[in-house]
Amino acid sequence: MRLLNKIYLTAGVVLLLSGCGSSGSFESAETIIPLSVGEEMELISGDRISPVNEETQIELRHVLGSDKKYVTLVSGSAELIRGSYIVN
């Protein structure tokens, strides 16, 4: 009986330790999209805008009554960094 308890305890510890570091089960795969002046792009959760130079100006638009948001490059250069998260 004691041997069986040791086996269960050992198996439980191994399972607990293998569950540690579960934050590594998500990988971030980013797509970089250069923005063109005057082009409107829809933003989704996890997206970021990265200006390429100091003269960059952007316009943000939020549609009332929805979660939709849009960005338009007014001048300069910028990149839309689209994040997508993949579960392993």
Protein backbone atom coordinates (compact mmCIF):
# COMPACT_ATOMS: atom_id res chain seq x y z
CA MET A 1 0.00 0.00 0.00
CA ARG A 2 2.83 2.43 0.81
CA LEU A 3 4.47 1.70 -2.57
CA LEU A 4 1.21 2.53 -4.33
CA ASN A 5 0.92 5.82 -2.39
CA LYS A 6 4.51 6.73 -3.38
CA ILE A 7 3.73 6.04 -7.04
CA TYR A 8 0.61 8.24 -6.92
CA LEU A 9 2.51 11.00 -5.09
CA THR A 10 5.40 10.87 -7.59
CA ALA A 11 3.01 10.93 -10.55
CA GLY A 12 1.15 13.89 -9.02
CA VAL A 13 4.38 15.87 -8.49
CA VAL A 14 5.49 15.18 -12.08
CA LEU A 15 2.13 16.37 -13.42
CA LEU A 16 2.25 19.52 -11.28
CA LEU A 17 5.78 20.35 -12.41
CA SER A 18 4.94 19.76 -16.05
CA GLY A 19 2.09 22.27 -15.68
CA CYS A 20 4.46 24.98 -14.44
CA GLY A 21 5.54 27.46 -17.04
CA SER A 22 2.26 27.17 -18.88
CA SER A 23 2.75 30.77 -19.99
CA GLY A 24 4.99 29.24 -22.65
CA SER A 25 1.98 27.56 -24.24
CA PHE A 26 1.14 30.76 -26.11
CA GLU A 27 3.30 32.03 -28.94
CA SER A 28 3.02 35.49 -30.38
CA ALA A 29 3.17 35.67 -34.15
CA GLU A 30 3.22 39.28 -35.31
CA THR A 31 2.53 40.56 -38.79
CA ILE A 32 3.94 43.97 -39.75
CA ILE A 33 1.87 45.95 -42.26
CA PRO A 34 3.26 49.25 -43.60
CA LEU A 35 0.55 51.93 -43.64
CA SER A 36 -0.05 54.09 -46.71
CA VAL A 37 -1.08 57.75 -46.44
CA GLY A 38 -4.88 58.03 -46.63
CA GLU A 39 -5.52 54.28 -46.22
CA GLU A 40 -7.87 53.30 -43.40
CA MET A 41 -7.21 50.02 -41.55
CA GLU A 42 -9.42 48.34 -38.95
CA LEU A 43 -7.73 47.75 -35.60
CA ILE A 44 -8.30 44.56 -33.65
CA SER A 45 -7.36 43.67 -30.09
CA GLY A 46 -3.59 43.26 -29.76
CA ASP A 47 -2.71 45.61 -32.65
CA ARG A 48 -0.10 48.34 -32.22
CA ILE A 49 0.91 51.33 -34.32
CA SER A 50 4.62 52.09 -34.61
CA PRO A 51 5.62 55.46 -36.11
CA VAL A 52 8.70 55.25 -38.34
CA ASN A 53 9.64 58.93 -38.03
CA GLU A 54 8.83 61.97 -35.89
CA GLU A 55 6.62 63.63 -38.54
CA THR A 56 4.10 60.78 -38.41
CA GLN A 57 0.48 61.79 -37.81
CA ILE A 58 -2.37 59.32 -37.52
CA GLU A 59 -6.11 59.64 -37.16
CA LEU A 60 -8.08 57.22 -34.99
CA ARG A 61 -11.80 56.62 -35.51
CA HIS A 62 -14.08 54.70 -33.13
CA VAL A 63 -17.53 53.67 -34.34
CA LEU A 64 -20.08 54.51 -31.65
CA GLY A 65 -22.17 51.58 -30.46
CA SER A 66 -19.59 48.99 -31.54
CA ASP A 67 -16.08 47.83 -30.76
CA LYS A 68 -14.77 48.79 -34.21
CA LYS A 69 -11.77 51.11 -34.39
CA TYR A 70 -9.91 52.37 -37.43
CA VAL A 71 -6.58 54.08 -38.03
CA THR A 72 -5.63 56.30 -40.98
CA LEU A 73 -2.10 57.49 -41.69
CA VAL A 74 -2.31 61.25 -42.31
CA SER A 75 1.39 61.96 -42.90
CA GLY A 76 4.82 60.44 -42.35
CA SER A 77 5.40 56.70 -42.07
CA ALA A 78 4.02 54.09 -39.69
CA GLU A 79 3.56 50.36 -39.36
CA LEU A 80 0.59 48.43 -38.08
CA ILE A 81 1.85 45.54 -35.97
CA ARG A 82 -0.91 42.96 -35.97
CA GLY A 83 -0.61 40.46 -33.13
CA SER A 84 -2.10 37.02 -33.33
CA TYR A 85 -1.80 34.49 -30.58
CA ILE A 86 -1.46 30.79 -31.27
CA VAL A 87 -2.09 28.11 -28.65
CA ASN A 88 0.36 25.19 -28.79
